[in-house]
């Protein structure tokens, strides 16, 4: 009897693991990041088109001031920085401290929300 139970349990656990890794559901971090992005950023930004702020899809790895159609401040255009997670965290914390005389006045105090938004934006570039 026991010899039949063990293979059955192995099959059940294997199927559960396969289902977990094969799931097409978005990860919880992506869902939280999208929600935080929509709550905090979409007043001025969109992913795929410019608004008051530049489009943000693919921002991680992009040079600051590189969306050609967007009228960045001279400070941002001259910054020569390439956006990564650390710089985006500093930017969202205090844009003027990272790039003085930038035109972005928004600040996000919550490190949890900043991390979620940055993770979401990172996913938009894949």
C-alpha atoms as a PDB file:
ATOM      1  CA  UNK A   1       0.000   0.000   0.000  1.00  0.00           C
ATOM      2  CA  UNK A   2       2.743   2.462   0.947  1.00  0.00           C
ATOM      3  CA  UNK A   3       4.528   1.914  -2.394  1.00  0.00           C
ATOM      4  CA  UNK A   4       1.467   3.341  -4.213  1.00  0.00           C
ATOM      5  CA  UNK A   5       1.066   6.386  -1.938  1.00  0.00           C
ATOM      6  CA  UNK A   6       4.620   7.733  -2.299  1.00  0.00           C
ATOM      7  CA  UNK A   7       4.616   7.854  -6.137  1.00  0.00           C
ATOM      8  CA  UNK A   8       1.193   9.496  -6.009  1.00  0.00           C
ATOM      9  CA  UNK A   9       2.439  12.160  -3.603  1.00  0.00           C
ATOM     10  CA  UNK A  10       5.486  12.780  -5.797  1.00  0.00           C
ATOM     11  CA  UNK A  11       3.227  13.245  -8.820  1.00  0.00           C
ATOM     12  CA  UNK A  12       0.933  15.636  -6.943  1.00  0.00           C
ATOM     13  CA  UNK A  13       3.851  17.749  -5.647  1.00  0.00           C
ATOM     14  CA  UNK A  14       5.474  17.748  -9.065  1.00  0.00           C
ATOM     15  CA  UNK A  15       2.253  18.918 -10.704  1.00  0.00           C
ATOM     16  CA  UNK A  16       1.891  21.683  -8.106  1.00  0.00           C
ATOM     17  CA  UNK A  17       5.449  22.887  -8.689  1.00  0.00           C
ATOM     18  CA  UNK A  18       5.004  22.824 -12.443  1.00  0.00           C
ATOM     19  CA  UNK A  19       1.769  24.805 -12.153  1.00  0.00           C
ATOM     20  CA  UNK A  20       3.450  27.384  -9.925  1.00  0.00           C
ATOM     21  CA  UNK A  21       6.323  27.961 -12.357  1.00  0.00           C
ATOM     22  CA  UNK A  22       4.198  27.810 -15.500  1.00  0.00           C
ATOM     23  CA  UNK A  23       1.564  30.259 -14.263  1.00  0.00           C
ATOM     24  CA  UNK A  24       0.905  33.196 -16.537  1.00  0.00           C
ATOM     25  CA  UNK A  25      -0.409  35.283 -13.639  1.00  0.00           C
ATOM     26  CA  UNK A  26       1.620  38.435 -12.948  1.00  0.00           C
ATOM     27  CA  UNK A  27       3.822  38.355  -9.888  1.00  0.00           C
ATOM     28  CA  UNK A  28       2.492  40.083  -6.797  1.00  0.00           C
ATOM     29  CA  UNK A  29       5.289  42.679  -7.011  1.00  0.00           C
ATOM     30  CA  UNK A  30       4.271  43.604 -10.539  1.00  0.00           C
ATOM     31  CA  UNK A  31       0.646  44.002  -9.499  1.00  0.00           C
ATOM     32  CA  UNK A  32       1.615  46.157  -6.504  1.00  0.00           C
ATOM     33  CA  UNK A  33       4.013  48.163  -8.668  1.00  0.00           C
ATOM     34  CA  UNK A  34       1.387  48.802 -11.327  1.00  0.00           C
ATOM     35  CA  UNK A  35      -1.092  49.906  -8.650  1.00  0.00           C
ATOM     36  CA  UNK A  36       1.468  52.257  -7.072  1.00  0.00           C
ATOM     37  CA  UNK A  37       2.434  53.599 -10.518  1.00  0.00           C
ATOM     38  CA  UNK A  38      -1.210  54.264 -11.379  1.00  0.00           C
ATOM     39  CA  UNK A  39      -1.837  55.913  -8.009  1.00  0.00           C
ATOM     40  CA  UNK A  40       1.320  58.039  -7.843  1.00  0.00           C
ATOM     41  CA  UNK A  41       2.593  58.617 -11.377  1.00  0.00           C
ATOM     42  CA  UNK A  42      -0.158  58.675 -13.986  1.00  0.00           C
ATOM     43  CA  UNK A  43      -1.210  62.234 -13.215  1.00  0.00           C
ATOM     44  CA  UNK A  44       1.908  63.329 -15.118  1.00  0.00           C
ATOM     45  CA  UNK A  45       3.259  60.183 -16.818  1.00  0.00           C
ATOM     46  CA  UNK A  46       2.121  57.332 -19.033  1.00  0.00           C
ATOM     47  CA  UNK A  47       4.036  54.264 -20.114  1.00  0.00           C
ATOM     48  CA  UNK A  48       3.676  54.690 -23.862  1.00  0.00           C
ATOM     49  CA  UNK A  49       3.217  58.408 -24.527  1.00  0.00           C
ATOM     50  CA  UNK A  50       4.383  61.735 -23.170  1.00  0.00           C
ATOM     51  CA  UNK A  51       2.151  63.779 -20.906  1.00  0.00           C
ATOM     52  CA  UNK A  52       3.303  66.533 -18.551  1.00  0.00           C
ATOM     53  CA  UNK A  53       6.224  64.151 -17.938  1.00  0.00           C
ATOM     54  CA  UNK A  54       7.967  61.822 -20.406  1.00  0.00           C
ATOM     55  CA  UNK A  55       6.826  58.268 -21.194  1.00  0.00           C
ATOM     56  CA  UNK A  56       8.272  55.799 -18.711  1.00  0.00           C
ATOM     57  CA  UNK A  57       8.175  52.377 -20.394  1.00  0.00           C
ATOM     58  CA  UNK A  58      11.774  51.255 -20.725  1.00  0.00           C
ATOM     59  CA  UNK A  59      13.117  54.026 -18.497  1.00  0.00           C
ATOM     60  CA  UNK A  60      15.450  51.652 -16.608  1.00  0.00           C
ATOM     61  CA  UNK A  61      18.642  51.616 -18.673  1.00  0.00           C
ATOM     62  CA  UNK A  62      17.718  54.737 -20.639  1.00  0.00           C
ATOM     63  CA  UNK A  63      19.806  57.910 -20.555  1.00  0.00           C
ATOM     64  CA  UNK A  64      18.099  60.738 -18.679  1.00  0.00           C
ATOM     65  CA  UNK A  65      16.591  63.245 -21.091  1.00  0.00           C
ATOM     66  CA  UNK A  66      16.655  60.811 -24.019  1.00  0.00           C
ATOM     67  CA  UNK A  67      13.019  60.844 -25.200  1.00  0.00           C
ATOM     68  CA  UNK A  68      13.569  63.135 -28.182  1.00  0.00           C
ATOM     69  CA  UNK A  69      10.046  64.569 -28.372  1.00  0.00           C
ATOM     70  CA  UNK A  70       9.914  65.565 -24.694  1.00  0.00           C
ATOM     71  CA  UNK A  71      11.032  69.071 -23.584  1.00  0.00           C
ATOM     72  CA  UNK A  72      13.259  68.198 -20.613  1.00  0.00           C
ATOM     73  CA  UNK A  73      14.853  70.850 -18.440  1.00  0.00           C
ATOM     74  CA  UNK A  74      18.414  71.758 -19.401  1.00  0.00           C
ATOM     75  CA  UNK A  75      19.586  70.221 -16.117  1.00  0.00           C
ATOM     76  CA  UNK A  76      18.114  66.814 -16.989  1.00  0.00           C
ATOM     77  CA  UNK A  77      19.427  66.947 -20.575  1.00  0.00           C
ATOM     78  CA  UNK A  78      22.943  67.764 -19.316  1.00  0.00           C
ATOM     79  CA  UNK A  79      22.941  65.181 -16.507  1.00  0.00           C
ATOM     80  CA  UNK A  80      24.386  62.339 -18.618  1.00  0.00           C
ATOM     81  CA  UNK A  81      23.057  59.764 -16.153  1.00  0.00           C
ATOM     82  CA  UNK A  82      21.547  56.444 -17.147  1.00  0.00           C
ATOM     83  CA  UNK A  83      18.534  55.450 -15.072  1.00  0.00           C
ATOM     84  CA  UNK A  84      19.005  52.406 -12.851  1.00  0.00           C
ATOM     85  CA  UNK A  85      17.159  51.271  -9.739  1.00  0.00           C
ATOM     86  CA  UNK A  86      19.382  53.226  -7.357  1.00  0.00           C
ATOM     87  CA  UNK A  87      19.150  56.489  -9.302  1.00  0.00           C
ATOM     88  CA  UNK A  88      15.394  56.138  -9.740  1.00  0.00           C
ATOM     89  CA  UNK A  89      15.041  55.613  -5.992  1.00  0.00           C
ATOM     90  CA  UNK A  90      17.032  58.803  -5.332  1.00  0.00           C
ATOM     91  CA  UNK A  91      15.036  60.640  -8.025  1.00  0.00           C
ATOM     92  CA  UNK A  92      11.676  59.645  -6.571  1.00  0.00           C
ATOM     93  CA  UNK A  93      12.880  60.516  -3.075  1.00  0.00           C
ATOM     94  CA  UNK A  94      14.070  64.025  -4.004  1.00  0.00           C
ATOM     95  CA  UNK A  95      14.461  64.912  -7.702  1.00  0.00           C
ATOM     96  CA  UNK A  96      16.015  68.312  -7.039  1.00  0.00           C
ATOM     97  CA  UNK A  97      18.698  66.802  -4.843  1.00  0.00           C
ATOM     98  CA  UNK A  98      19.693  64.354  -7.589  1.00  0.00           C
ATOM     99  CA  UNK A  99      19.435  66.843 -10.463  1.00  0.00           C
ATOM    100  CA  UNK A 100      19.172  70.436  -9.227  1.00  0.00           C
ATOM    101  CA  UNK A 101      16.842  72.622 -11.323  1.00  0.00           C
ATOM    102  CA  UNK A 102      14.950  69.668 -12.769  1.00  0.00           C
ATOM    103  CA  UNK A 103      11.300  70.354 -13.474  1.00  0.00           C
ATOM    104  CA  UNK A 104       9.936  67.461 -11.405  1.00  0.00           C
ATOM    105  CA  UNK A 105       8.524  68.598  -8.082  1.00  0.00           C
ATOM    106  CA  UNK A 106       6.981  65.271  -6.981  1.00  0.00           C
ATOM    107  CA  UNK A 107       8.518  63.351  -4.073  1.00  0.00           C
ATOM    108  CA  UNK A 108       7.608  59.914  -2.806  1.00  0.00           C
ATOM    109  CA  UNK A 109       8.454  59.300   0.836  1.00  0.00           C
ATOM    110  CA  UNK A 110       7.450  55.641   1.003  1.00  0.00           C
ATOM    111  CA  UNK A 111      10.407  53.335   0.253  1.00  0.00           C
ATOM    112  CA  UNK A 112       7.941  50.467  -0.256  1.00  0.00           C
ATOM    113  CA  UNK A 113       6.036  52.343  -2.960  1.00  0.00           C
ATOM    114  CA  UNK A 114       9.271  53.550  -4.593  1.00  0.00           C
ATOM    115  CA  UNK A 115      10.603  49.994  -4.760  1.00  0.00           C
ATOM    116  CA  UNK A 116       7.324  48.683  -6.196  1.00  0.00           C
ATOM    117  CA  UNK A 117       7.178  51.395  -8.863  1.00  0.00           C
ATOM    118  CA  UNK A 118      10.810  50.898  -9.832  1.00  0.00           C
ATOM    119  CA  UNK A 119      10.339  47.118 -10.108  1.00  0.00           C
ATOM    120  CA  UNK A 120       7.261  47.705 -12.273  1.00  0.00           C
ATOM    121  CA  UNK A 121       9.116  50.167 -14.511  1.00  0.00           C
ATOM    122  CA  UNK A 122      11.989  47.734 -14.834  1.00  0.00           C
ATOM    123  CA  UNK A 123       9.545  45.112 -16.124  1.00  0.00           C
ATOM    124  CA  UNK A 124       8.216  47.521 -18.785  1.00  0.00           C
ATOM    125  CA  UNK A 125      11.594  47.507 -20.505  1.00  0.00           C
ATOM    126  CA  UNK A 126      11.700  43.744 -21.061  1.00  0.00           C
END
